[in-house]
Amino acid sequence: VEEAHANGLKVATHTVTAERAGWAGEAKVDLIA
């Protein structure tokens, strides 16, 4: 996510569990898809 944002790119994740949704938030993922 850090590298994508440095290149002006949004990041969406395939995330379907609560634990990894928390990880996505911590990583500053733009969109849980």
All heavy atoms as atom14 arrays in JSON, in Angstrom:
{
  "sequence": "VEEAHANGLKVATHTVTAERAGWAGEAKVDLIA",
  "atom14_mask": [
    [1, 1, 1, 1, 1, 1, 1, 0, 0, 0, 0, 0, 0, 0],
    [1, 1, 1, 1, 1, 1, 1, 1, 1, 0, 0, 0, 0, 0],
    [1, 1, 1, 1, 1, 1, 1, 1, 1, 0, 0, 0, 0, 0],
    [1, 1, 1, 1, 1, 0, 0, 0, 0, 0, 0, 0, 0, 0],
    [1, 1, 1, 1, 1, 1, 1, 1, 1, 1, 0, 0, 0, 0],
    [1, 1, 1, 1, 1, 0, 0, 0, 0, 0, 0, 0, 0, 0],
    [1, 1, 1, 1, 1, 1, 1, 1, 0, 0, 0, 0, 0, 0],
    [1, 1, 1, 1, 0, 0, 0, 0, 0, 0, 0, 0, 0, 0],
    [1, 1, 1, 1, 1, 1, 1, 1, 0, 0, 0, 0, 0, 0],
    [1, 1, 1, 1, 1, 1, 1, 1, 1, 0, 0, 0, 0, 0],
    [1, 1, 1, 1, 1, 1, 1, 0, 0, 0, 0, 0, 0, 0],
    [1, 1, 1, 1, 1, 0, 0, 0, 0, 0, 0, 0, 0, 0],
    [1, 1, 1, 1, 1, 1, 1, 0, 0, 0, 0, 0, 0, 0],
    [1, 1, 1, 1, 1, 1, 1, 1, 1, 1, 0, 0, 0, 0],
    [1, 1, 1, 1, 1, 1, 1, 0, 0, 0, 0, 0, 0, 0],
    [1, 1, 1, 1, 1, 1, 1, 0, 0, 0, 0, 0, 0, 0],
    [1, 1, 1, 1, 1, 1, 1, 0, 0, 0, 0, 0, 0, 0],
    [1, 1, 1, 1, 1, 0, 0, 0, 0, 0, 0, 0, 0, 0],
    [1, 1, 1, 1, 1, 1, 1, 1, 1, 0, 0, 0, 0, 0],
    [1, 1, 1, 1, 1, 1, 1, 1, 1, 1, 1, 0, 0, 0],
    [1, 1, 1, 1, 1, 0, 0, 0, 0, 0, 0, 0, 0, 0],
    [1, 1, 1, 1, 0, 0, 0, 0, 0, 0, 0, 0, 0, 0],
    [1, 1, 1, 1, 1, 1, 1, 1, 1, 1, 1, 1, 1, 1],
    [1, 1, 1, 1, 1, 0, 0, 0, 0, 0, 0, 0, 0, 0],
    [1, 1, 1, 1, 0, 0, 0, 0, 0, 0, 0, 0, 0, 0],
    [1, 1, 1, 1, 1, 1, 1, 1, 1, 0, 0, 0, 0, 0],
    [1, 1, 1, 1, 1, 0, 0, 0, 0, 0, 0, 0, 0, 0],
    [1, 1, 1, 1, 1, 1, 1, 1, 1, 0, 0, 0, 0, 0],
    [1, 1, 1, 1, 1, 1, 1, 0, 0, 0, 0, 0, 0, 0],
    [1, 1, 1, 1, 1, 1, 1, 1, 0, 0, 0, 0, 0, 0],
    [1, 1, 1, 1, 1, 1, 1, 1, 0, 0, 0, 0, 0, 0],
    [1, 1, 1, 1, 1, 1, 1, 1, 0, 0, 0, 0, 0, 0],
    [1, 1, 1, 1, 1, 0, 0, 0, 0, 0, 0, 0, 0, 0]
  ],
  "atom14_positions": [
    [[0.83, -1.2, 0.0], [0.0, 0.0, 0.0], [0.87, 1.26, 0.0], [0.59, 2.22, -0.73], [-0.96, -0.01, 1.2], [-1.72, 1.31, 1.3], [-1.95, -1.17, 1.09], [0.0, 0.0, 0.0], [0.0, 0.0, 0.0], [0.0, 0.0, 0.0], [0.0, 0.0, 0.0], [0.0, 0.0, 0.0], [0.0, 0.0, 0.0], [0.0, 0.0, 0.0]],
    [[1.93, 1.26, 0.79], [2.81, 2.43, 0.83], [3.41, 2.7, -0.55], [3.46, 3.86, -1.0], [3.92, 2.21, 1.85], [3.45, 2.26, 3.3], [4.55, 1.93, 4.29], [5.65, 1.49, 3.85], [4.33, 2.09, 5.5], [0.0, 0.0, 0.0], [0.0, 0.0, 0.0], [0.0, 0.0, 0.0], [0.0, 0.0, 0.0], [0.0, 0.0, 0.0]],
    [[3.87, 1.65, -1.21], [4.48, 1.83, -2.53], [3.44, 2.26, -3.56], [3.7, 3.1, -4.42], [5.17, 0.54, -2.98], [6.04, 0.68, -4.21], [7.26, 1.55, -3.98], [7.81, 1.54, -2.86], [7.68, 2.24, -4.94], [0.0, 0.0, 0.0], [0.0, 0.0, 0.0], [0.0, 0.0, 0.0], [0.0, 0.0, 0.0], [0.0, 0.0, 0.0]],
    [[2.23, 1.68, -3.48], [1.17, 2.07, -4.41], [0.81, 3.54, -4.23], [0.7, 4.3, -5.2], [-0.05, 1.19, -4.2], [0.0, 0.0, 0.0], [0.0, 0.0, 0.0], [0.0, 0.0, 0.0], [0.0, 0.0, 0.0], [0.0, 0.0, 0.0], [0.0, 0.0, 0.0], [0.0, 0.0, 0.0], [0.0, 0.0, 0.0], [0.0, 0.0, 0.0]],
    [[0.63, 3.97, -2.98], [0.28, 5.37, -2.73], [1.41, 6.3, -3.19], [1.13, 7.4, -3.69], [-0.02, 5.57, -1.26], [-1.33, 4.96, -0.83], [-1.75, 4.9, 0.49], [-2.34, 4.39, -1.55], [-2.93, 4.32, 0.55], [-3.31, 3.99, -0.68], [0.0, 0.0, 0.0], [0.0, 0.0, 0.0], [0.0, 0.0, 0.0], [0.0, 0.0, 0.0]],
    [[2.66, 5.87, -3.03], [3.78, 6.69, -3.5], [3.76, 6.85, -5.02], [4.3, 7.83, -5.55], [5.1, 6.06, -3.06], [0.0, 0.0, 0.0], [0.0, 0.0, 0.0], [0.0, 0.0, 0.0], [0.0, 0.0, 0.0], [0.0, 0.0, 0.0], [0.0, 0.0, 0.0], [0.0, 0.0, 0.0], [0.0, 0.0, 0.0], [0.0, 0.0, 0.0]],
    [[3.12, 5.89, -5.71], [2.99, 5.96, -7.17], [1.61, 6.47, -7.6], [1.25, 6.34, -8.77], [3.24, 4.58, -7.77], [4.71, 4.21, -7.81], [5.41, 4.52, -8.79], [5.21, 3.56, -6.77], [0.0, 0.0, 0.0], [0.0, 0.0, 0.0], [0.0, 0.0, 0.0], [0.0, 0.0, 0.0], [0.0, 0.0, 0.0], [0.0, 0.0, 0.0]],
    [[0.86, 7.04, -6.66], [-0.44, 7.62, -7.0], [-1.52, 6.62, -7.3], [-2.48, 6.94, -8.02], [0.0, 0.0, 0.0], [0.0, 0.0, 0.0], [0.0, 0.0, 0.0], [0.0, 0.0, 0.0], [0.0, 0.0, 0.0], [0.0, 0.0, 0.0], [0.0, 0.0, 0.0], [0.0, 0.0, 0.0], [0.0, 0.0, 0.0], [0.0, 0.0, 0.0]],
    [[-1.42, 5.39, -6.75], [-2.38, 4.34, -7.05], [-3.19, 3.98, -5.82], [-2.65, 3.8, -4.73], [-1.64, 3.08, -7.55], [-0.88, 3.23, -8.87], [-0.02, 2.0, -9.11], [-1.85, 3.45, -10.02], [0.0, 0.0, 0.0], [0.0, 0.0, 0.0], [0.0, 0.0, 0.0], [0.0, 0.0, 0.0], [0.0, 0.0, 0.0], [0.0, 0.0, 0.0]],
    [[-4.5, 3.85, -5.99], [-5.37, 3.34, -4.95], [-5.2, 1.82, -4.84], [-4.8, 1.15, -5.79], [-6.84, 3.65, -5.26], [-7.17, 5.13, -5.32], [-7.3, 5.72, -3.93], [-7.82, 7.13, -3.97], [-7.96, 7.71, -2.62], [0.0, 0.0, 0.0], [0.0, 0.0, 0.0], [0.0, 0.0, 0.0], [0.0, 0.0, 0.0], [0.0, 0.0, 0.0]],
    [[-5.56, 1.27, -3.66], [-5.47, -0.17, -3.43], [-6.81, -0.68, -2.93], [-7.36, -0.17, -1.95], [-4.37, -0.52, -2.42], [-4.34, -2.03, -2.14], [-3.01, -0.06, -2.92], [0.0, 0.0, 0.0], [0.0, 0.0, 0.0], [0.0, 0.0, 0.0], [0.0, 0.0, 0.0], [0.0, 0.0, 0.0], [0.0, 0.0, 0.0], [0.0, 0.0, 0.0]],
    [[-7.34, -1.7, -3.61], [-8.52, -2.43, -3.15], [-8.09, -3.83, -2.77], [-7.21, -4.41, -3.41], [-9.59, -2.49, -4.24], [0.0, 0.0, 0.0], [0.0, 0.0, 0.0], [0.0, 0.0, 0.0], [0.0, 0.0, 0.0], [0.0, 0.0, 0.0], [0.0, 0.0, 0.0], [0.0, 0.0, 0.0], [0.0, 0.0, 0.0], [0.0, 0.0, 0.0]],
    [[-8.7, -4.39, -1.71], [-8.32, -5.73, -1.3], [-9.52, -6.67, -1.33], [-10.64, -6.29, -1.02], [-7.73, -5.76, 0.13], [-8.7, -5.27, 1.05], [-6.47, -4.94, 0.21], [0.0, 0.0, 0.0], [0.0, 0.0, 0.0], [0.0, 0.0, 0.0], [0.0, 0.0, 0.0], [0.0, 0.0, 0.0], [0.0, 0.0, 0.0], [0.0, 0.0, 0.0]],
    [[-9.23, -7.93, -1.69], [-10.15, -9.03, -1.46], [-9.95, -9.45, -0.01], [-8.98, -10.14, 0.32], [-9.84, -10.19, -2.42], [-10.64, -11.43, -2.14], [-11.64, -11.86, -2.97], [-10.58, -12.34, -1.14], [-12.16, -12.97, -2.49], [-11.52, -13.29, -1.36], [0.0, 0.0, 0.0], [0.0, 0.0, 0.0], [0.0, 0.0, 0.0], [0.0, 0.0, 0.0]],
    [[-10.83, -9.0, 0.85], [-10.75, -9.27, 2.29], [-12.14, -9.7, 2.75], [-13.11, -8.98, 2.56], [-10.31, -8.02, 3.07], [-9.04, -7.59, 2.57], [-10.19, -8.31, 4.55], [0.0, 0.0, 0.0], [0.0, 0.0, 0.0], [0.0, 0.0, 0.0], [0.0, 0.0, 0.0], [0.0, 0.0, 0.0], [0.0, 0.0, 0.0], [0.0, 0.0, 0.0]],
    [[-12.23, -10.89, 3.36], [-13.54, -11.44, 3.7], [-13.62, -11.9, 5.16], [-14.63, -12.49, 5.56], [-13.91, -12.61, 2.76], [-14.19, -12.1, 1.35], [-12.82, -13.66, 2.72], [0.0, 0.0, 0.0], [0.0, 0.0, 0.0], [0.0, 0.0, 0.0], [0.0, 0.0, 0.0], [0.0, 0.0, 0.0], [0.0, 0.0, 0.0], [0.0, 0.0, 0.0]],
    [[-12.58, -11.63, 5.96], [-12.62, -11.98, 7.38], [-12.36, -10.74, 8.21], [-11.68, -9.8, 7.79], [-11.56, -13.05, 7.72], [-10.26, -12.56, 7.39], [-11.82, -14.35, 6.98], [0.0, 0.0, 0.0], [0.0, 0.0, 0.0], [0.0, 0.0, 0.0], [0.0, 0.0, 0.0], [0.0, 0.0, 0.0], [0.0, 0.0, 0.0], [0.0, 0.0, 0.0]],
    [[-12.91, -10.75, 9.44], [-12.81, -9.58, 10.3], [-11.36, -9.3, 10.7], [-10.95, -8.13, 10.75], [-13.68, -9.8, 11.54], [0.0, 0.0, 0.0], [0.0, 0.0, 0.0], [0.0, 0.0, 0.0], [0.0, 0.0, 0.0], [0.0, 0.0, 0.0], [0.0, 0.0, 0.0], [0.0, 0.0, 0.0], [0.0, 0.0, 0.0], [0.0, 0.0, 0.0]],
    [[-10.6, -10.33, 11.01], [-9.22, -10.09, 11.43], [-8.43, -9.37, 10.35], [-7.74, -8.37, 10.61], [-8.54, -11.42, 11.77], [-7.08, -11.24, 12.2], [-6.36, -12.56, 12.39], [-6.67, -13.53, 11.68], [-5.46, -12.6, 13.26], [0.0, 0.0, 0.0], [0.0, 0.0, 0.0], [0.0, 0.0, 0.0], [0.0, 0.0, 0.0], [0.0, 0.0, 0.0]],
    [[-8.55, -9.85, 9.13], [-7.76, -9.25, 8.05], [-8.36, -7.92, 7.58], [-7.66, -7.11, 6.98], [-7.58, -10.25, 6.92], [-6.66, -11.39, 7.35], [-6.34, -12.37, 6.24], [-5.35, -13.32, 6.72], [-5.63, -14.44, 7.38], [-6.9, -14.75, 7.64], [-4.67, -15.25, 7.78], [0.0, 0.0, 0.0], [0.0, 0.0, 0.0], [0.0, 0.0, 0.0]],
    [[-9.62, -7.69, 7.87], [-10.17, -6.35, 7.63], [-9.47, -5.34, 8.54], [-9.16, -4.21, 8.12], [-11.67, -6.33, 7.88], [0.0, 0.0, 0.0], [0.0, 0.0, 0.0], [0.0, 0.0, 0.0], [0.0, 0.0, 0.0], [0.0, 0.0, 0.0], [0.0, 0.0, 0.0], [0.0, 0.0, 0.0], [0.0, 0.0, 0.0], [0.0, 0.0, 0.0]],
    [[-9.21, -5.74, 9.78], [-8.45, -4.87, 10.67], [-7.05, -4.62, 10.14], [-6.55, -3.49, 10.21], [0.0, 0.0, 0.0], [0.0, 0.0, 0.0], [0.0, 0.0, 0.0], [0.0, 0.0, 0.0], [0.0, 0.0, 0.0], [0.0, 0.0, 0.0], [0.0, 0.0, 0.0], [0.0, 0.0, 0.0], [0.0, 0.0, 0.0], [0.0, 0.0, 0.0]],
    [[-6.41, -5.65, 9.61], [-5.09, -5.47, 9.01], [-5.17, -4.49, 7.85], [-4.28, -3.65, 7.67], [-4.56, -6.8, 8.5], [-4.23, -7.81, 9.55], [-4.37, -7.67, 10.9], [-3.73, -9.13, 9.32], [-3.97, -8.82, 11.53], [-3.57, -9.74, 10.59], [-3.39, -9.86, 8.2], [-3.11, -11.03, 10.75], [-2.91, -11.15, 8.34], [-2.76, -11.74, 9.6]],
    [[-6.23, -4.61, 7.03], [-6.39, -3.7, 5.88], [-6.49, -2.26, 6.35], [-5.91, -1.35, 5.75], [-7.62, -4.09, 5.06], [0.0, 0.0, 0.0], [0.0, 0.0, 0.0], [0.0, 0.0, 0.0], [0.0, 0.0, 0.0], [0.0, 0.0, 0.0], [0.0, 0.0, 0.0], [0.0, 0.0, 0.0], [0.0, 0.0, 0.0], [0.0, 0.0, 0.0]],
    [[-7.26, -2.03, 7.42], [-7.36, -0.68, 7.95], [-6.01, -0.16, 8.44], [-5.65, 1.0, 8.16], [0.0, 0.0, 0.0], [0.0, 0.0, 0.0], [0.0, 0.0, 0.0], [0.0, 0.0, 0.0], [0.0, 0.0, 0.0], [0.0, 0.0, 0.0], [0.0, 0.0, 0.0], [0.0, 0.0, 0.0], [0.0, 0.0, 0.0], [0.0, 0.0, 0.0]],
    [[-5.27, -0.99, 9.14], [-3.95, -0.57, 9.63], [-3.0, -0.26, 8.48], [-2.15, 0.63, 8.59], [-3.35, -1.66, 10.52], [-4.04, -1.78, 11.88], [-3.35, -2.79, 12.77], [-2.51, -3.57, 12.26], [-3.64, -2.79, 13.98], [0.0, 0.0, 0.0], [0.0, 0.0, 0.0], [0.0, 0.0, 0.0], [0.0, 0.0, 0.0], [0.0, 0.0, 0.0]],
    [[-3.13, -1.0, 7.39], [-2.27, -0.78, 6.22], [-2.72, 0.4, 5.37], [-2.05, 0.75, 4.41], [-2.23, -2.04, 5.36], [0.0, 0.0, 0.0], [0.0, 0.0, 0.0], [0.0, 0.0, 0.0], [0.0, 0.0, 0.0], [0.0, 0.0, 0.0], [0.0, 0.0, 0.0], [0.0, 0.0, 0.0], [0.0, 0.0, 0.0], [0.0, 0.0, 0.0]],
    [[-3.87, 1.0, 5.73], [-4.44, 2.13, 4.99], [-4.87, 1.73, 3.58], [-4.73, 2.5, 2.62], [-3.49, 3.33, 4.98], [-3.29, 3.93, 6.36], [-2.39, 5.15, 6.32], [-2.39, 5.89, 7.66], [-2.14, 5.02, 8.83], [0.0, 0.0, 0.0], [0.0, 0.0, 0.0], [0.0, 0.0, 0.0], [0.0, 0.0, 0.0], [0.0, 0.0, 0.0]],
    [[-5.41, 0.51, 3.45], [-6.05, 0.09, 2.21], [-7.2, 1.05, 1.9], [-7.94, 1.46, 2.8], [-6.56, -1.36, 2.35], [-7.57, -1.7, 1.27], [-5.39, -2.33, 2.32], [0.0, 0.0, 0.0], [0.0, 0.0, 0.0], [0.0, 0.0, 0.0], [0.0, 0.0, 0.0], [0.0, 0.0, 0.0], [0.0, 0.0, 0.0], [0.0, 0.0, 0.0]],
    [[-7.34, 1.41, 0.64], [-8.37, 2.38, 0.25], [-9.77, 1.78, 0.23], [-10.75, 2.47, 0.56], [-8.04, 2.97, -1.12], [-6.71, 3.7, -1.12], [-6.63, 4.78, -0.52], [-5.74, 3.16, -1.69], [0.0, 0.0, 0.0], [0.0, 0.0, 0.0], [0.0, 0.0, 0.0], [0.0, 0.0, 0.0], [0.0, 0.0, 0.0], [0.0, 0.0, 0.0]],
    [[-9.88, 0.52, -0.19], [-11.21, -0.07, -0.42], [-11.17, -1.56, -0.13], [-10.34, -2.28, -0.69], [-11.64, 0.16, -1.88], [-12.93, -0.52, -2.35], [-14.14, 0.15, -1.72], [-13.02, -0.48, -3.88], [0.0, 0.0, 0.0], [0.0, 0.0, 0.0], [0.0, 0.0, 0.0], [0.0, 0.0, 0.0], [0.0, 0.0, 0.0], [0.0, 0.0, 0.0]],
    [[-12.05, -2.03, 0.75], [-12.3, -3.46, 0.88], [-13.38, -3.81, -0.12], [-14.49, -3.26, -0.07], [-12.71, -3.83, 2.31], [-11.5, -3.68, 3.24], [-13.25, -5.25, 2.37], [-11.8, -3.99, 4.69], [0.0, 0.0, 0.0], [0.0, 0.0, 0.0], [0.0, 0.0, 0.0], [0.0, 0.0, 0.0], [0.0, 0.0, 0.0], [0.0, 0.0, 0.0]],
    [[-13.07, -4.73, -1.03], [-13.93, -4.97, -2.19], [-14.79, -6.22, -2.04], [-15.21, -6.81, -3.03], [-13.08, -5.07, -3.45], [0.0, 0.0, 0.0], [0.0, 0.0, 0.0], [0.0, 0.0, 0.0], [0.0, 0.0, 0.0], [0.0, 0.0, 0.0], [0.0, 0.0, 0.0], [0.0, 0.0, 0.0], [0.0, 0.0, 0.0], [0.0, 0.0, 0.0]]
  ]
}
